[in-house]
Amino acid sequence: MPKRLTCELFFDVVSPYTHFALHVWSRYAQIWPVDLKLRPMLLGGVMKATGNSPPGTLPQRAAYLQQDLRRNASLFAVDILPVPNNFISEVARAVVHVQRVLCAAQASGASDDAATLALALGFSRAIHAEASLRSEGDLDLGENVMRFAFEDAGVAPETAAALLQAARGDDAKAALRRNTDEAVERGVYGSPTAFLSDGERDEAMVFGSDRFEQLAHHFSLPYFGPDPARARL
């Protein structure tokens, strides 16, 4: 009987490195026999609980971050992700509602694993597409971003409206808190963080968007780089 390969991915779409990781997962969803379980969490809550801080808060790291994102954008075949002026003050706070929408989608049964991944990627694309337009100004996570995300994920307007309403409820808020608390308890300190299980060995924790080669090695799966379609040309 083949092993059941499972990956729990704790993430917050506010992270540009999570943006890269979600793209890679969307590309390998049909290649790898891995049961991907998405666990939306609040990165700000994780950082507060663990004493971590956003890389952009340290001037030297912030300068490095810009060139690192450009290199990764090229490597991952993803649009460049500029960091807007109000990223720390507004974006990280406003994205809480986005994470609650993802929790609401999972709780309602309106989203299976594949649909949740598509919706998470839709929100990530929407946020960072808006950031590209406003790299010299402020980012607004308003109606346009929400509409872009739902359309990108193929969510019907009536379903999107129901999810937005559910995200304001106590159940979605509680689900996001539970995921965040569990993430901290299991050793998470940043996004994205994956927990790998094959049913035999002890669970393995893998942090970051640049560890897919290690993930593939752990599961003995083929890895064709962050963009398998490009690698096969």
Protein backbone atom coordinates (compact mmCIF):
# COMPACT_ATOMS: atom_id res chain seq x y z
CA MET A 1 0.00 0.00 0.00
CA PRO A 2 1.50 3.36 -1.03
CA LYS A 3 2.35 5.89 1.65
CA ARG A 4 -0.05 8.74 2.24
CA LEU A 5 1.99 11.90 1.79
CA THR A 6 0.56 14.90 3.61
CA CYS A 7 1.66 18.53 3.80
CA GLU A 8 0.04 20.98 6.20
CA LEU A 9 0.91 24.47 5.03
CA PHE A 10 0.59 27.27 7.57
CA PHE A 11 0.59 30.57 5.69
CA ASP A 12 -0.43 34.20 5.48
CA VAL A 13 -0.89 35.73 2.04
CA VAL A 14 0.63 39.00 3.27
CA SER A 15 4.08 37.41 2.93
CA PRO A 16 5.72 37.90 -0.50
CA TYR A 17 7.62 34.65 -0.01
CA THR A 18 4.33 32.89 0.57
CA HIS A 19 3.25 34.37 -2.76
CA PHE A 20 6.10 32.45 -4.42
CA ALA A 21 5.27 29.26 -2.53
CA LEU A 22 1.58 29.32 -3.47
CA HIS A 23 2.53 29.58 -7.14
CA VAL A 24 4.82 26.57 -6.86
CA TRP A 25 2.18 24.52 -5.05
CA SER A 26 -0.38 25.38 -7.72
CA ARG A 27 2.04 24.08 -10.38
CA TYR A 28 2.84 20.84 -8.57
CA ALA A 29 -0.71 20.05 -7.44
CA GLN A 30 -1.18 17.79 -10.47
CA ILE A 31 2.35 16.36 -10.38
CA TRP A 32 2.91 15.35 -6.77
CA PRO A 33 0.72 12.78 -4.96
CA VAL A 34 0.69 14.98 -1.86
CA ASP A 35 -2.42 15.75 0.19
CA LEU A 36 -2.02 19.51 0.70
CA LYS A 37 -3.88 20.92 3.69
CA LEU A 38 -3.90 24.71 3.83
CA ARG A 39 -3.91 26.31 7.29
CA PRO A 40 -4.51 30.08 7.08
CA MET A 41 -2.88 31.82 10.05
CA LEU A 42 -2.19 35.38 11.14
CA LEU A 43 1.50 36.08 10.60
CA GLY A 44 1.43 39.15 12.83
CA GLY A 45 0.10 37.01 15.68
CA VAL A 46 2.78 34.39 15.13
CA MET A 47 5.53 37.00 15.11
CA LYS A 48 4.23 38.64 18.26
CA ALA A 49 4.05 35.31 20.08
CA THR A 50 7.52 34.20 18.99
CA GLY A 51 9.37 37.51 19.24
CA ASN A 52 9.99 37.57 15.49
CA SER A 53 9.65 40.74 13.39
CA PRO A 54 9.07 41.52 9.68
CA PRO A 55 12.33 41.65 7.69
CA GLY A 56 11.50 45.12 6.42
CA THR A 57 11.72 46.61 9.90
CA LEU A 58 15.53 46.34 9.90
CA PRO A 59 17.07 48.78 7.38
CA GLN A 60 19.81 46.41 6.23
CA ARG A 61 17.36 43.55 5.73
CA ALA A 62 14.87 45.84 4.01
CA ALA A 63 17.49 46.84 1.45
CA TYR A 64 18.42 43.22 0.86
CA LEU A 65 14.75 42.25 0.64
CA GLN A 66 14.21 44.32 -2.49
CA GLN A 67 16.98 42.64 -4.50
CA ASP A 68 16.10 39.21 -3.10
CA LEU A 69 12.49 39.57 -4.21
CA ARG A 70 13.60 40.55 -7.71
CA ARG A 71 15.83 37.47 -7.99
CA ASN A 72 13.12 35.20 -6.67
CA ALA A 73 10.53 36.71 -8.99
CA SER A 74 12.72 35.75 -11.93
CA LEU A 75 13.51 32.30 -10.55
CA PHE A 76 9.89 31.49 -9.70
CA ALA A 77 8.52 33.08 -12.91
CA VAL A 78 6.28 35.37 -10.87
CA ASP A 79 5.72 39.10 -11.22
CA ILE A 80 8.09 41.32 -9.23
CA LEU A 81 6.65 42.23 -5.84
CA PRO A 82 7.46 45.79 -4.72
CA VAL A 83 6.71 46.57 -1.08
CA PRO A 84 4.29 49.52 -0.71
CA ASN A 85 5.00 52.36 1.70
CA ASN A 86 2.29 51.35 4.16
CA PHE A 87 3.05 47.63 4.18
CA ILE A 88 3.77 47.39 7.90
CA SER A 89 1.28 49.97 9.14
CA GLU A 90 -1.75 49.02 7.07
CA VAL A 91 -1.37 45.95 4.86
CA ALA A 92 -0.43 43.45 7.55
CA ARG A 93 -3.42 44.61 9.60
CA ALA A 94 -5.93 44.72 6.74
CA VAL A 95 -5.02 41.23 5.51
CA VAL A 96 -6.63 39.74 8.64
CA HIS A 97 -9.97 39.86 6.81
CA VAL A 98 -8.48 37.99 3.85
CA GLN A 99 -7.27 35.20 6.14
CA ARG A 100 -10.71 35.02 7.73
CA VAL A 101 -12.30 34.67 4.29
CA LEU A 102 -10.09 31.64 3.67
CA CYS A 103 -11.11 30.15 7.02
CA ALA A 104 -14.76 30.83 6.22
CA ALA A 105 -14.40 29.10 2.85
CA GLN A 106 -12.99 25.99 4.49
CA ALA A 107 -15.60 25.94 7.26
CA SER A 108 -18.53 26.40 4.89
CA GLY A 109 -17.55 23.49 2.70
CA ALA A 110 -17.61 25.88 -0.25
CA SER A 111 -13.94 25.19 -0.84
CA ASP A 112 -12.12 21.88 -1.13
CA ASP A 113 -8.32 21.73 -0.95
CA ALA A 114 -7.83 22.65 -4.61
CA ALA A 115 -10.36 25.47 -4.45
CA THR A 116 -8.84 26.84 -1.25
CA LEU A 117 -5.42 26.89 -2.92
CA ALA A 118 -6.90 28.73 -5.91
CA LEU A 119 -8.57 31.27 -3.62
CA ALA A 120 -5.43 31.78 -1.54
CA LEU A 121 -3.42 32.31 -4.72
CA GLY A 122 -6.12 34.66 -6.00
CA PHE A 123 -5.82 36.82 -2.89
CA SER A 124 -2.03 36.71 -3.04
CA ARG A 125 -2.05 37.76 -6.69
CA ALA A 126 -4.55 40.52 -5.99
CA ILE A 127 -2.56 41.94 -3.08
CA HIS A 128 0.74 41.92 -4.91
CA ALA A 129 -0.74 43.13 -8.20
CA GLU A 130 -2.12 46.11 -6.29
CA ALA A 131 1.27 46.55 -4.66
CA SER A 132 2.85 46.73 -8.12
CA LEU A 133 0.53 49.57 -9.04
CA ARG A 134 1.14 51.42 -5.79
CA SER A 135 4.80 50.74 -5.11
CA GLU A 136 5.44 54.45 -4.61
CA GLY A 137 2.31 55.01 -2.55
CA ASP A 138 -0.15 53.29 -0.28
CA LEU A 139 -1.85 49.94 -0.79
CA ASP A 140 -5.61 49.71 -0.46
CA LEU A 141 -7.02 46.26 0.33
CA GLY A 142 -10.53 47.28 -0.56
CA GLU A 143 -13.28 46.15 -2.88
CA ASN A 144 -11.11 45.99 -6.02
CA VAL A 145 -8.65 43.58 -4.43
CA MET A 146 -11.45 41.37 -3.13
CA ARG A 147 -13.21 41.30 -6.50
CA PHE A 148 -9.97 40.53 -8.36
CA ALA A 149 -9.22 37.64 -6.00
CA PHE A 150 -12.61 35.99 -6.30
CA GLU A 151 -12.68 36.37 -10.08
CA ASP A 152 -9.13 34.99 -10.35
CA ALA A 153 -10.17 31.93 -8.32
CA GLY A 154 -13.39 31.42 -10.29
CA VAL A 155 -15.66 32.07 -7.30
CA ALA A 156 -19.25 32.95 -8.22
CA PRO A 157 -20.43 36.42 -7.07
CA GLU A 158 -23.11 35.00 -4.75
CA THR A 159 -20.58 32.66 -3.13
CA ALA A 160 -18.09 35.51 -2.75
CA ALA A 161 -20.73 37.66 -1.03
CA ALA A 162 -21.57 34.84 1.37
CA LEU A 163 -17.91 34.27 2.21
CA LEU A 164 -17.30 37.96 2.87
CA GLN A 165 -20.25 37.96 5.24
CA ALA A 166 -19.13 34.75 6.97
CA ALA A 167 -15.62 36.15 7.41
CA ARG A 168 -17.06 38.81 9.70
CA GLY A 169 -18.60 36.19 11.97
CA ASP A 170 -17.30 34.63 15.16
CA ASP A 171 -16.66 31.20 13.61
CA ALA A 172 -14.16 32.52 11.04
CA LYS A 173 -12.44 34.66 13.65
CA ALA A 174 -12.16 31.71 16.02
CA ALA A 175 -10.82 29.43 13.26
CA LEU A 176 -8.07 31.90 12.41
CA ARG A 177 -7.13 32.21 16.08
CA ARG A 178 -7.00 28.42 16.45
CA ASN A 179 -4.78 28.04 13.41
CA THR A 180 -2.48 30.80 14.65
CA ASP A 181 -2.25 29.37 18.15
CA GLU A 182 -1.59 25.88 16.81
CA ALA A 183 1.09 27.21 14.49
CA VAL A 184 2.95 28.76 17.41
CA GLU A 185 2.56 25.60 19.50
CA ARG A 186 4.08 23.52 16.70
CA GLY A 187 7.11 25.79 16.28
CA VAL A 188 6.08 28.08 13.42
CA TYR A 189 7.75 31.51 13.40
CA GLY A 190 7.12 32.69 9.83
CA SER A 191 5.24 32.09 6.59
CA PRO A 192 5.11 29.77 4.77
CA THR A 193 5.80 26.81 7.07
CA ALA A 194 5.05 23.24 6.00
CA PHE A 195 4.70 20.10 8.11
CA LEU A 196 5.40 16.92 6.18
CA SER A 197 4.12 13.46 7.06
CA ASP A 198 4.37 10.09 5.32
CA GLY A 199 2.77 8.05 8.09
CA GLU A 200 6.04 6.40 9.03
CA ARG A 201 8.69 8.90 10.07
CA ASP A 202 8.37 11.72 12.56
CA GLU A 203 6.73 14.81 11.18
CA ALA A 204 9.19 17.18 9.46
CA MET A 205 8.96 20.99 9.51
CA VAL A 206 10.11 22.98 6.47
CA PHE A 207 10.15 26.79 6.46
CA GLY A 208 10.28 29.13 3.49
CA SER A 209 9.59 29.23 -0.23
CA ASP A 210 13.10 28.04 -1.15
CA ARG A 211 12.88 24.54 0.36
CA PHE A 212 10.84 22.72 -2.28
CA GLU A 213 13.88 20.68 -3.28
CA GLN A 214 14.18 19.49 0.32
CA LEU A 215 10.46 18.79 0.45
CA ALA A 216 10.70 16.68 -2.70
CA HIS A 217 13.73 14.87 -1.30
CA HIS A 218 11.90 14.12 1.94
CA PHE A 219 9.00 12.57 0.02
CA SER A 220 11.24 10.96 -2.68
CA LEU A 221 9.39 12.89 -5.38
CA PRO A 222 10.75 14.38 -8.62
CA TYR A 223 11.47 18.10 -8.58
CA PHE A 224 11.75 20.10 -11.79
CA GLY A 225 12.41 23.52 -10.30
CA PRO A 226 9.87 26.15 -9.23
CA ASP A 227 8.27 26.21 -12.68
CA PRO A 228 8.10 22.62 -14.00
CA ALA A 229 6.59 23.69 -17.33
CA ARG A 230 9.56 25.95 -18.02
CA ALA A 231 12.03 23.28 -16.93
CA ARG A 232 10.62 20.79 -19.43
CA LEU A 233 10.98 23.06 -22.48
